[in-house]
Amino acid sequence: PQALRSIGSVALSPCEGWVAYTVTQKDLEKDSSETSLWMVATDGSADPIRMSAPGLGAGSPAFSPDGKLLCFTASRPIPPVLNPAGGDEDLSTTQVWAHNLAGGDAQPLTFVKQGISSFSWSPDLARPRLLLSIRDPDPDADAEKKERDKPKPWVMDRQQFKRDYAGYLHNRQGHTHLYVQEDGVVTQITSGDHDESGGAWSPCGNLVAFSSNRTAN
């Protein structure tokens, strides 16, 4: 049952010589699956190298512009001591992590409380930046934890009130906007009562293109 595997996302190193990819392995007995991160030489001179430990999932591999970091998304606890913003709890939402190919354990690159949906590196070596997709934080999250036995009614104020794979689009869900992280500072670059997706850098690194439905419904 554990022999059922499939290749997922693939990333080519800008320095050539390496390909990173994900492998999803299904366990029919446990009715579960796990996605791991791997890297292999393009000339086939060595066996594939597993970059994520068993039990630690990883996805969306991407090399940094200089090829020194292999980045990926993962939901792993980040101890407060590693979080520049501090806090008393481990941050366990989906973040961007990075393996330094020179050696060492993976380290988190982002510390967004609500987590990130996707990321991409800017193409310019002189000014490396991360383009992040982040959903708005839920302002009622803390209140809901305290009053789980008193759920609030969902108010629908739009014609399209639900979407496949997203569920109900009620006001408390928030929207997904684009942010740029540079030198650890995260700056929001889109806003409003709509969602943005598919963010991509221009070859010069000065512009960002994205898709968004800006109609009323």
Protein backbone atom coordinates (compact mmCIF):
# COMPACT_ATOMS: atom_id res chain seq x y z
CA PRO A 1 0.00 0.00 0.00
CA GLN A 2 2.88 2.41 0.65
CA ALA A 3 4.29 1.93 -2.86
CA LEU A 4 1.74 4.29 -4.44
CA ARG A 5 3.71 7.46 -5.14
CA SER A 6 3.28 10.42 -7.48
CA ILE A 7 5.53 13.30 -8.48
CA GLY A 8 4.14 16.79 -7.83
CA SER A 9 5.68 20.26 -8.09
CA VAL A 10 9.03 20.56 -9.88
CA ALA A 11 11.63 23.36 -9.63
CA LEU A 12 14.87 23.76 -11.60
CA SER A 13 17.87 25.36 -9.94
CA PRO A 14 18.94 28.66 -11.64
CA CYS A 15 22.55 27.48 -11.34
CA GLU A 16 21.61 24.31 -13.20
CA GLY A 17 22.58 20.88 -12.05
CA TRP A 18 19.69 20.27 -9.65
CA VAL A 19 15.96 19.61 -9.77
CA ALA A 20 13.72 19.76 -6.71
CA TYR A 21 10.37 17.99 -6.65
CA THR A 22 7.71 16.67 -4.30
CA VAL A 23 6.62 13.08 -3.87
CA THR A 24 3.20 12.21 -2.48
CA GLN A 25 3.02 8.77 -0.92
CA LYS A 26 -0.31 7.19 -0.03
CA ASP A 27 -0.87 4.69 2.75
CA LEU A 28 -4.07 2.78 2.02
CA GLU A 29 -4.04 0.98 5.36
CA LYS A 30 -4.01 4.24 7.32
CA ASP A 31 -6.06 6.09 4.67
CA SER A 32 -3.53 8.93 4.69
CA SER A 33 -0.91 10.55 2.50
CA GLU A 34 2.32 12.47 3.01
CA THR A 35 4.17 14.83 0.65
CA SER A 36 7.95 14.96 0.94
CA LEU A 37 10.61 17.15 -0.69
CA TRP A 38 13.39 15.67 -2.81
CA MET A 39 16.33 16.90 -4.90
CA VAL A 40 18.27 15.13 -7.65
CA ALA A 41 21.16 15.96 -9.98
CA THR A 42 20.07 16.60 -13.57
CA ASP A 43 22.86 14.43 -14.98
CA GLY A 44 21.79 11.43 -12.92
CA SER A 45 25.21 11.19 -11.28
CA ALA A 46 23.78 10.54 -7.79
CA ASP A 47 20.76 9.07 -6.11
CA PRO A 48 17.89 11.42 -5.19
CA ILE A 49 18.28 13.21 -1.84
CA ARG A 50 15.32 13.48 0.52
CA MET A 51 15.20 17.03 1.91
CA SER A 52 12.29 16.64 4.35
CA ALA A 53 12.20 14.21 7.25
CA PRO A 54 9.38 11.64 7.54
CA GLY A 55 6.35 13.20 9.16
CA LEU A 56 7.28 16.72 8.06
CA GLY A 57 5.33 17.59 4.93
CA ALA A 58 6.57 20.05 2.32
CA GLY A 59 5.25 21.57 -0.90
CA SER A 60 5.75 24.20 -3.62
CA PRO A 61 9.55 23.97 -3.99
CA ALA A 62 11.43 26.95 -5.43
CA PHE A 63 15.10 27.90 -5.52
CA SER A 64 16.26 31.36 -4.49
CA PRO A 65 17.55 33.53 -7.38
CA ASP A 66 21.18 32.75 -6.50
CA GLY A 67 20.46 29.02 -6.24
CA LYS A 68 21.80 28.81 -2.68
CA LEU A 69 18.45 28.16 -0.97
CA LEU A 70 15.84 25.51 -1.66
CA CYS A 71 12.57 26.99 -0.41
CA PHE A 72 9.22 25.32 0.19
CA THR A 73 5.95 25.73 2.06
CA ALA A 74 5.21 23.76 5.22
CA SER A 75 3.13 23.87 8.39
CA ARG A 76 5.68 23.27 11.11
CA PRO A 77 5.82 24.71 14.63
CA ILE A 78 8.11 27.74 14.82
CA PRO A 79 9.35 28.28 18.39
CA PRO A 80 8.81 31.82 19.74
CA VAL A 81 12.58 32.24 20.04
CA LEU A 82 12.88 32.13 16.22
CA ASN A 83 9.99 34.54 15.60
CA PRO A 84 11.22 38.15 15.25
CA ALA A 85 7.80 39.34 16.47
CA GLY A 86 8.07 37.21 19.59
CA GLY A 87 4.91 35.79 21.15
CA ASP A 88 4.14 33.04 23.62
CA GLU A 89 2.93 30.32 21.23
CA ASP A 90 4.57 28.25 18.52
CA LEU A 91 3.60 29.53 15.06
CA SER A 92 2.20 26.49 13.23
CA THR A 93 0.55 27.98 10.12
CA THR A 94 1.89 27.48 6.58
CA GLN A 95 5.11 29.48 6.09
CA VAL A 96 8.00 29.67 3.63
CA TRP A 97 10.95 27.57 4.77
CA ALA A 98 14.44 27.25 3.28
CA HIS A 99 17.21 24.67 3.14
CA ASN A 100 20.66 26.19 2.73
CA LEU A 101 22.29 23.86 0.22
CA ALA A 102 25.60 24.37 2.00
CA GLY A 103 24.14 22.40 4.93
CA GLY A 104 22.06 22.73 8.08
CA ASP A 105 18.40 22.30 9.01
CA ALA A 106 15.56 24.12 7.26
CA GLN A 107 14.81 27.59 8.63
CA PRO A 108 11.61 29.68 8.35
CA LEU A 109 11.71 32.75 6.10
CA THR A 110 8.23 34.10 6.87
CA PHE A 111 6.38 34.62 10.15
CA VAL A 112 2.83 35.48 9.08
CA LYS A 113 0.36 34.66 11.86
CA GLN A 114 -2.46 33.51 9.55
CA GLY A 115 -0.02 31.77 7.20
CA ILE A 116 0.70 32.21 3.49
CA SER A 117 -1.07 30.70 0.47
CA SER A 118 1.78 30.89 -2.07
CA PHE A 119 5.12 32.59 -2.71
CA SER A 120 7.57 33.42 -5.50
CA TRP A 121 11.06 34.93 -5.62
CA SER A 122 11.85 38.13 -7.49
CA PRO A 123 14.27 37.47 -10.38
CA ASP A 124 16.90 40.10 -9.53
CA LEU A 125 19.96 38.88 -7.62
CA ALA A 126 20.82 42.32 -6.24
CA ARG A 127 17.45 42.72 -4.51
CA PRO A 128 15.89 39.37 -3.56
CA ARG A 129 12.27 39.70 -2.48
CA LEU A 130 9.40 37.34 -1.79
CA LEU A 131 5.95 37.84 -3.29
CA LEU A 132 3.41 36.37 -0.85
CA SER A 133 -0.30 35.59 -1.08
CA ILE A 134 -1.88 36.11 2.34
CA ARG A 135 -5.49 35.90 3.44
CA ASP A 136 -6.76 38.69 5.70
CA PRO A 137 -6.64 37.82 9.40
CA ASP A 138 -9.97 37.01 11.01
CA PRO A 139 -10.73 39.85 13.45
CA ASP A 140 -13.16 37.59 15.32
CA ALA A 141 -10.76 34.65 15.71
CA ASP A 142 -10.01 35.27 19.39
CA ALA A 143 -13.63 36.03 20.19
CA GLU A 144 -14.77 32.84 18.47
CA LYS A 145 -12.40 30.77 20.58
CA LYS A 146 -14.03 32.17 23.71
CA GLU A 147 -17.59 31.82 22.44
CA ARG A 148 -17.64 28.62 20.42
CA ASP A 149 -20.98 27.76 22.01
CA LYS A 150 -22.47 31.03 20.72
CA PRO A 151 -21.90 30.99 16.93
CA LYS A 152 -22.77 34.20 15.12
CA PRO A 153 -25.07 34.18 12.07
CA TRP A 154 -23.42 34.38 8.67
CA VAL A 155 -24.49 37.49 6.75
CA MET A 156 -24.55 37.05 2.95
CA ASP A 157 -24.36 40.39 1.12
CA ARG A 158 -23.30 39.25 -2.34
CA GLN A 159 -24.83 37.27 -5.19
CA GLN A 160 -21.99 34.75 -5.29
CA PHE A 161 -21.97 33.68 -1.65
CA LYS A 162 -19.99 30.43 -1.95
CA ARG A 163 -17.29 28.91 -4.16
CA ASP A 164 -15.91 25.44 -4.85
CA TYR A 165 -12.97 24.55 -2.59
CA ALA A 166 -13.47 27.79 -0.65
CA GLY A 167 -16.90 27.32 0.93
CA TYR A 168 -19.10 30.18 2.02
CA LEU A 169 -17.73 33.62 1.17
CA HIS A 170 -19.16 35.36 4.19
CA ASN A 171 -17.64 38.59 5.45
CA ARG A 172 -15.63 37.02 8.25
CA GLN A 173 -13.57 34.89 5.88
CA GLY A 174 -11.51 37.79 4.57
CA HIS A 175 -9.79 38.21 1.21
CA THR A 176 -6.46 37.11 -0.22
CA HIS A 177 -4.07 39.93 -1.10
CA LEU A 178 -0.47 40.24 -2.29
CA TYR A 179 2.46 41.26 -0.11
CA VAL A 180 6.18 41.74 -0.71
CA GLN A 181 8.75 40.72 1.89
CA GLU A 182 12.17 42.35 1.71
CA ASP A 183 14.83 42.05 4.42
CA GLY A 184 12.21 40.60 6.75
CA VAL A 185 9.77 43.51 6.28
CA VAL A 186 6.36 42.56 4.84
CA THR A 187 4.51 45.24 2.82
CA GLN A 188 0.96 44.88 1.49
CA ILE A 189 0.67 45.89 -2.18
CA THR A 190 -2.99 45.10 -2.97
CA SER A 191 -6.15 45.66 -0.95
CA GLY A 192 -9.91 45.96 -1.26
CA ASP A 193 -13.06 43.85 -1.26
CA HIS A 194 -11.73 41.24 -3.73
CA ASP A 195 -9.10 38.52 -4.05
CA GLU A 196 -5.84 38.39 -5.99
CA SER A 197 -4.12 35.24 -7.22
CA GLY A 198 -1.47 34.01 -9.65
CA GLY A 199 1.03 36.72 -8.71
CA ALA A 200 4.14 36.78 -10.96
CA TRP A 201 7.18 39.03 -11.19
CA SER A 202 8.20 40.76 -14.40
CA PRO A 203 11.66 39.75 -15.72
CA CYS A 204 13.14 43.02 -14.46
CA GLY A 205 11.61 42.60 -11.00
CA ASN A 206 9.94 46.04 -11.04
CA LEU A 207 6.36 44.93 -11.71
CA VAL A 208 3.97 42.28 -10.41
CA ALA A 209 1.15 40.85 -12.52
CA PHE A 210 -1.83 39.05 -11.01
CA SER A 211 -5.40 38.02 -11.71
CA SER A 212 -8.40 39.44 -9.87
CA ASN A 213 -12.14 39.68 -10.40
CA ARG A 214 -13.02 43.31 -9.66
CA THR A 215 -16.72 43.12 -10.60
CA ALA A 216 -19.41 43.52 -7.95
CA ASN A 217 -20.50 39.87 -7.88
